[in-house]
C-alpha atoms as a PDB file:
ATOM      1  CA  LEU A   1     109.133 117.122 100.039  1.00  0.00           C
ATOM      2  CA  HIS A   2     111.663 114.789  98.626  1.00  0.00           C
ATOM      3  CA  GLU A   3     110.781 112.680  95.575  1.00  0.00           C
ATOM      4  CA  PRO A   4     112.245 109.092  97.425  1.00  0.00           C
ATOM      5  CA  ASP A   5     110.473 107.248  94.091  1.00  0.00           C
ATOM      6  CA  ARG A   6     113.996 108.067  92.150  1.00  0.00           C
ATOM      7  CA  HIS A   7     116.002 106.096  94.800  1.00  0.00           C
ATOM      8  CA  ALA A   8     113.487 103.396  95.497  1.00  0.00           C
ATOM      9  CA  ARG A   9     114.829 100.573  97.296  1.00  0.00           C
ATOM     10  CA  GLY A  10     111.814  98.126  96.337  1.00  0.00           C
ATOM     11  CA  LEU A  11     110.572  97.798  99.963  1.00  0.00           C
ATOM     12  CA  ILE A  12     106.782  98.235  99.709  1.00  0.00           C
ATOM     13  CA  ALA A  13     103.929  97.297 101.839  1.00  0.00           C
ATOM     14  CA  ALA A  14     100.065  97.130 100.770  1.00  0.00           C
ATOM     15  CA  SER A  15      97.478  98.690 102.658  1.00  0.00           C
ATOM     16  CA  PRO A  16      94.839  96.196 104.237  1.00  0.00           C
ATOM     17  CA  ARG A  17      91.982  98.791 104.035  1.00  0.00           C
ATOM     18  CA  GLU A  18      92.473 101.090 100.953  1.00  0.00           C
ATOM     19  CA  ARG A  19      94.140 101.009  97.390  1.00  0.00           C
ATOM     20  CA  ALA A  20      97.325 102.437  98.793  1.00  0.00           C
ATOM     21  CA  PHE A  21     100.903 101.117  99.633  1.00  0.00           C
ATOM     22  CA  VAL A  22     103.714 102.603 101.476  1.00  0.00           C
ATOM     23  CA  ALA A  23     107.340 102.652  99.724  1.00  0.00           C
ATOM     24  CA  VAL A  24     110.539 103.185 101.083  1.00  0.00           C
ATOM     25  CA  GLY A  25     113.277 105.309  99.405  1.00  0.00           C
ATOM     26  CA  GLN A  26     116.319 107.043  99.669  1.00  0.00           C
ATOM     27  CA  VAL A  27     116.441 110.824 100.574  1.00  0.00           C
ATOM     28  CA  PRO A  28     119.727 112.717 101.655  1.00  0.00           C
ATOM     29  CA  GLY A  29     120.950 111.347 104.921  1.00  0.00           C
ATOM     30  CA  GLY A  30     118.637 108.176 105.110  1.00  0.00           C
ATOM     31  CA  ASP A  31     115.421 106.911 104.110  1.00  0.00           C
ATOM     32  CA  ALA A  32     111.652 108.100 103.616  1.00  0.00           C
ATOM     33  CA  VAL A  33     108.231 106.074 103.941  1.00  0.00           C
ATOM     34  CA  THR A  34     105.708 107.745 101.226  1.00  0.00           C
ATOM     35  CA  LEU A  35     102.124 106.820 101.159  1.00  0.00           C
ATOM     36  CA  ARG A  36     101.351 105.960  97.522  1.00  0.00           C
ATOM     37  CA  PRO A  37      97.880 105.558  96.284  1.00  0.00           C
ATOM     38  CA  THR A  38      97.487 102.848  93.547  1.00  0.00           C
ATOM     39  CA  ASP A  39      95.332 105.041  91.372  1.00  0.00           C
ATOM     40  CA  ARG A  40      98.113 108.000  91.193  1.00  0.00           C
ATOM     41  CA  PRO A  41     101.267 106.502  89.498  1.00  0.00           C
ATOM     42  CA  HIS A  42     103.161 110.034  89.834  1.00  0.00           C
ATOM     43  CA  GLY A  43     103.889 112.366  92.856  1.00  0.00           C
ATOM     44  CA  PRO A  44     104.558 113.923  94.685  1.00  0.00           C
ATOM     45  CA  PHE A  45     103.720 111.601  97.476  1.00  0.00           C
ATOM     46  CA  PRO A  46     102.977 112.252 101.157  1.00  0.00           C
ATOM     47  CA  VAL A  47     106.136 111.691 103.331  1.00  0.00           C
ATOM     48  CA  LEU A  48     104.969 109.461 106.568  1.00  0.00           C
ATOM     49  CA  ALA A  49     108.629 109.609 107.906  1.00  0.00           C
ATOM     50  CA  ALA A  50     111.958 110.555 106.829  1.00  0.00           C
ATOM     51  CA  GLY A  51     115.397 110.638 108.621  1.00  0.00           C
ATOM     52  CA  PRO A  52     118.852 109.334 109.219  1.00  0.00           C
ATOM     53  CA  GLY A  53     119.144 105.361 109.283  1.00  0.00           C
ATOM     54  CA  ARG A  54     117.857 102.269 106.712  1.00  0.00           C
ATOM     55  CA  VAL A  55     114.484 101.264 106.726  1.00  0.00           C
ATOM     56  CA  THR A  56     114.606  97.515 106.668  1.00  0.00           C
ATOM     57  CA  ASP A  57     110.802  96.579 107.111  1.00  0.00           C
ATOM     58  CA  VAL A  58     107.573  98.161 106.869  1.00  0.00           C
ATOM     59  CA  LEU A  59     104.173  96.716 107.929  1.00  0.00           C
ATOM     60  CA  TRP A  60     100.431  97.876 108.341  1.00  0.00           C
ATOM     61  CA  SER A  61      98.413  97.459 111.009  1.00  0.00           C
ATOM     62  CA  PRO A  62      95.382  94.928 110.399  1.00  0.00           C
ATOM     63  CA  THR A  63      92.983  98.055 110.468  1.00  0.00           C
ATOM     64  CA  GLY A  64      95.262 100.030 108.523  1.00  0.00           C
ATOM     65  CA  ASP A  65      95.305 103.087 110.497  1.00  0.00           C
ATOM     66  CA  ARG A  66      99.048 102.903 111.655  1.00  0.00           C
ATOM     67  CA  VAL A  67     102.190 101.689 109.750  1.00  0.00           C
ATOM     68  CA  LEU A  68     105.073  99.815 111.586  1.00  0.00           C
ATOM     69  CA  VAL A  69     108.907 100.664 110.283  1.00  0.00           C
ATOM     70  CA  VAL A  70     111.916  99.301 111.384  1.00  0.00           C
ATOM     71  CA  ARG A  71     114.691 101.684 111.012  1.00  0.00           C
ATOM     72  CA  SER A  72     118.240 100.969 112.016  1.00  0.00           C
ATOM     73  CA  ASP A  73     117.826 100.115 115.552  1.00  0.00           C
ATOM     74  CA  ASP A  74     114.642 101.832 116.251  1.00  0.00           C
ATOM     75  CA  LEU A  75     110.897 101.114 115.788  1.00  0.00           C
ATOM     76  CA  LEU A  76     108.618 103.786 114.247  1.00  0.00           C
ATOM     77  CA  LEU A  77     105.003 103.531 114.806  1.00  0.00           C
ATOM     78  CA  ILE A  78     103.296 105.940 112.295  1.00  0.00           C
ATOM     79  CA  ASP A  79      99.669 106.919 113.285  1.00  0.00           C
ATOM     80  CA  ARG A  80      97.894 108.013 109.944  1.00  0.00           C
ATOM     81  CA  ALA A  81      94.800 109.779 111.802  1.00  0.00           C
ATOM     82  CA  ARG A  82      96.983 111.827 113.886  1.00  0.00           C
ATOM     83  CA  GLY A  83      99.637 112.310 111.743  1.00  0.00           C
ATOM     84  CA  ARG A  84     102.239 111.442 114.567  1.00  0.00           C
ATOM     85  CA  VAL A  85     105.190 109.207 114.487  1.00  0.00           C
ATOM     86  CA  ARG A  86     106.283 107.588 117.649  1.00  0.00           C
ATOM     87  CA  THR A  87     110.028 106.526 117.851  1.00  0.00           C
ATOM     88  CA  ILE A  88     110.990 103.711 120.091  1.00  0.00           C
ATOM     89  CA  PRO A  89     115.008 104.041 120.243  1.00  0.00           C
ATOM     90  CA  GLY A  90     117.064 101.276 120.460  1.00  0.00           C
ATOM     91  CA  PHE A  91     114.358  98.640 120.550  1.00  0.00           C
ATOM     92  CA  LEU A  92     116.059  96.286 117.870  1.00  0.00           C
ATOM     93  CA  ASP A  93     119.475  96.634 119.434  1.00  0.00           C
ATOM     94  CA  ARG A  94     118.076  95.257 122.906  1.00  0.00           C
ATOM     95  CA  TYR A  95     115.635  92.620 121.385  1.00  0.00           C
ATOM     96  CA  ALA A  96     116.384  91.507 117.625  1.00  0.00           C
ATOM     97  CA  GLY A  97     118.591  91.787 114.810  1.00  0.00           C
ATOM     98  CA  THR A  98     122.293  91.809 113.846  1.00  0.00           C
ATOM     99  CA  PRO A  99     123.968  94.001 111.031  1.00  0.00           C
ATOM    100  CA  ARG A 100     124.352  90.710 109.098  1.00  0.00           C
ATOM    101  CA  SER A 101     120.498  89.630 109.739  1.00  0.00           C
ATOM    102  CA  PRO A 102     118.529  92.510 110.331  1.00  0.00           C
ATOM    103  CA  ALA A 103     115.199  92.568 112.353  1.00  0.00           C
ATOM    104  CA  ARG A 104     111.955  91.742 110.218  1.00  0.00           C
ATOM    105  CA  VAL A 105     108.632  92.442 111.175  1.00  0.00           C
ATOM    106  CA  ARG A 106     106.450  89.339 111.039  1.00  0.00           C
ATOM    107  CA  GLY A 107     103.027  90.487 111.968  1.00  0.00           C
ATOM    108  CA  TRP A 108     101.095  92.346 114.615  1.00  0.00           C
ATOM    109  CA  CYS A 109      99.947  90.694 117.948  1.00  0.00           C
ATOM    110  CA  CYS A 110      96.114  91.076 117.642  1.00  0.00           C
ATOM    111  CA  ALA A 111      93.448  90.822 114.600  1.00  0.00           C
ATOM    112  CA  PRO A 112      90.779  93.685 114.452  1.00  0.00           C
END
């Protein structure tokens, strides 16, 4: 378990359903997304996803059970209940964003 908060990049997203947020920090070789309870200011914090590439955006689902992550040209869908991370490789390379203007997530398709 790394301590990505030592190299935090200031990218966070508040949970819509619980007193927590996800934060992005740098780890050796890439970025990590961690879950941070608001009532616990010090780690270690659970790492939801980590790997090569730079995370440019994170967004919770409206129900708070999933987190969508934009990393390099991939999308990561983190299912917290199942502890699974689904990677959609090359998505942004095909559909959005450029190195000067990385893709950003604007919202989910459907409200609960």
